C-alpha cells in the first residue's frame, strides 16, 4: 500500500433514500425466558469441567 491516494475537491451530490427496512421488532421474534436456579453437586461440576477440558470448550 505504498501508492498514494489523491483526492479531488469535486462537489458531491447526495440524496435522501427512504427507509425501506421493516422495524427490528417485526423481524426477530422474542421468546419468553425462564429463570432457573440449579444446585449441582461438586462431583457433577467436576465431571462437566473435565469433559469440557477434553473437548477444549467452556
C-alpha atoms as a PDB file:
ATOM      1  CA  UNK A   1       0.000   0.000   0.000  1.00  0.00           C
ATOM      2  CA  UNK A   2       2.728   2.437  -0.903  1.00  0.00           C
ATOM      3  CA  UNK A   3       0.618   4.053  -3.631  1.00  0.00           C
ATOM      4  CA  UNK A   4      -0.610   7.476  -2.550  1.00  0.00           C
ATOM      5  CA  UNK A   5      -4.304   8.346  -2.897  1.00  0.00           C
ATOM      6  CA  UNK A   6      -5.098  11.699  -4.485  1.00  0.00           C
ATOM      7  CA  UNK A   7      -8.483  13.184  -3.653  1.00  0.00           C
ATOM      8  CA  UNK A   8     -10.192  15.739  -5.867  1.00  0.00           C
ATOM      9  CA  UNK A   9     -12.134  18.673  -4.475  1.00  0.00           C
ATOM     10  CA  UNK A  10     -15.208  17.957  -6.556  1.00  0.00           C
ATOM     11  CA  UNK A  11     -18.746  18.646  -5.372  1.00  0.00           C
ATOM     12  CA  UNK A  12     -20.690  15.554  -4.392  1.00  0.00           C
ATOM     13  CA  UNK A  13     -24.391  15.068  -4.914  1.00  0.00           C
ATOM     14  CA  UNK A  14     -26.252  13.456  -2.051  1.00  0.00           C
ATOM     15  CA  UNK A  15     -29.822  12.287  -1.983  1.00  0.00           C
ATOM     16  CA  UNK A  16     -32.048  11.041   0.824  1.00  0.00           C
ATOM     17  CA  UNK A  17     -33.250   7.462   0.479  1.00  0.00           C
ATOM     18  CA  UNK A  18     -36.450   6.469   2.270  1.00  0.00           C
ATOM     19  CA  UNK A  19     -36.174   3.854   4.991  1.00  0.00           C
ATOM     20  CA  UNK A  20     -37.384   0.671   3.309  1.00  0.00           C
ATOM     21  CA  UNK A  21     -36.487  -1.859   6.025  1.00  0.00           C
ATOM     22  CA  UNK A  22     -39.068  -3.272   8.388  1.00  0.00           C
ATOM     23  CA  UNK A  23     -38.657  -2.366  12.077  1.00  0.00           C
ATOM     24  CA  UNK A  24     -36.499  -4.846  14.045  1.00  0.00           C
ATOM     25  CA  UNK A  25     -39.361  -5.930  16.342  1.00  0.00           C
ATOM     26  CA  UNK A  26     -41.212  -7.340  13.315  1.00  0.00           C
ATOM     27  CA  UNK A  27     -38.145  -9.215  12.042  1.00  0.00           C
ATOM     28  CA  UNK A  28     -36.961 -11.003  15.198  1.00  0.00           C
ATOM     29  CA  UNK A  29     -39.332 -12.866  17.455  1.00  0.00           C
ATOM     30  CA  UNK A  30     -38.501 -12.616  21.132  1.00  0.00           C
ATOM     31  CA  UNK A  31     -39.032 -15.768  23.152  1.00  0.00           C
ATOM     32  CA  UNK A  32     -40.146 -15.688  26.743  1.00  0.00           C
ATOM     33  CA  UNK A  33     -37.302 -16.520  29.116  1.00  0.00           C
ATOM     34  CA  UNK A  34     -37.494 -18.635  32.248  1.00  0.00           C
ATOM     35  CA  UNK A  35     -35.087 -18.173  35.140  1.00  0.00           C
ATOM     36  CA  UNK A  36     -33.775 -21.462  36.531  1.00  0.00           C
ATOM     37  CA  UNK A  37     -31.619 -21.984  39.600  1.00  0.00           C
ATOM     38  CA  UNK A  38     -29.589 -25.192  39.838  1.00  0.00           C
ATOM     39  CA  UNK A  39     -27.553 -26.602  42.687  1.00  0.00           C
ATOM     40  CA  UNK A  40     -25.432 -29.401  41.168  1.00  0.00           C
ATOM     41  CA  UNK A  41     -23.140 -31.469  43.335  1.00  0.00           C
ATOM     42  CA  UNK A  42     -19.390 -30.856  43.320  1.00  0.00           C
ATOM     43  CA  UNK A  43     -18.933 -34.244  41.672  1.00  0.00           C
ATOM     44  CA  UNK A  44     -21.223 -33.233  38.770  1.00  0.00           C
ATOM     45  CA  UNK A  45     -19.467 -29.901  38.278  1.00  0.00           C
ATOM     46  CA  UNK A  46     -16.042 -31.578  38.282  1.00  0.00           C
ATOM     47  CA  UNK A  47     -17.283 -34.114  35.701  1.00  0.00           C
ATOM     48  CA  UNK A  48     -18.536 -31.424  33.302  1.00  0.00           C
ATOM     49  CA  UNK A  49     -15.380 -29.345  33.742  1.00  0.00           C
ATOM     50  CA  UNK A  50     -13.259 -32.393  32.896  1.00  0.00           C
ATOM     51  CA  UNK A  51     -15.379 -33.159  29.804  1.00  0.00           C
ATOM     52  CA  UNK A  52     -15.166 -29.522  28.678  1.00  0.00           C
ATOM     53  CA  UNK A  53     -11.398 -29.631  29.097  1.00  0.00           C
ATOM     54  CA  UNK A  54     -11.168 -32.760  26.911  1.00  0.00           C
ATOM     55  CA  UNK A  55     -13.148 -31.002  24.173  1.00  0.00           C
ATOM     56  CA  UNK A  56     -11.363 -27.633  24.570  1.00  0.00           C
ATOM     57  CA  UNK A  57     -14.596 -25.758  25.320  1.00  0.00           C
ATOM     58  CA  UNK A  58     -16.144 -23.912  28.244  1.00  0.00           C
END
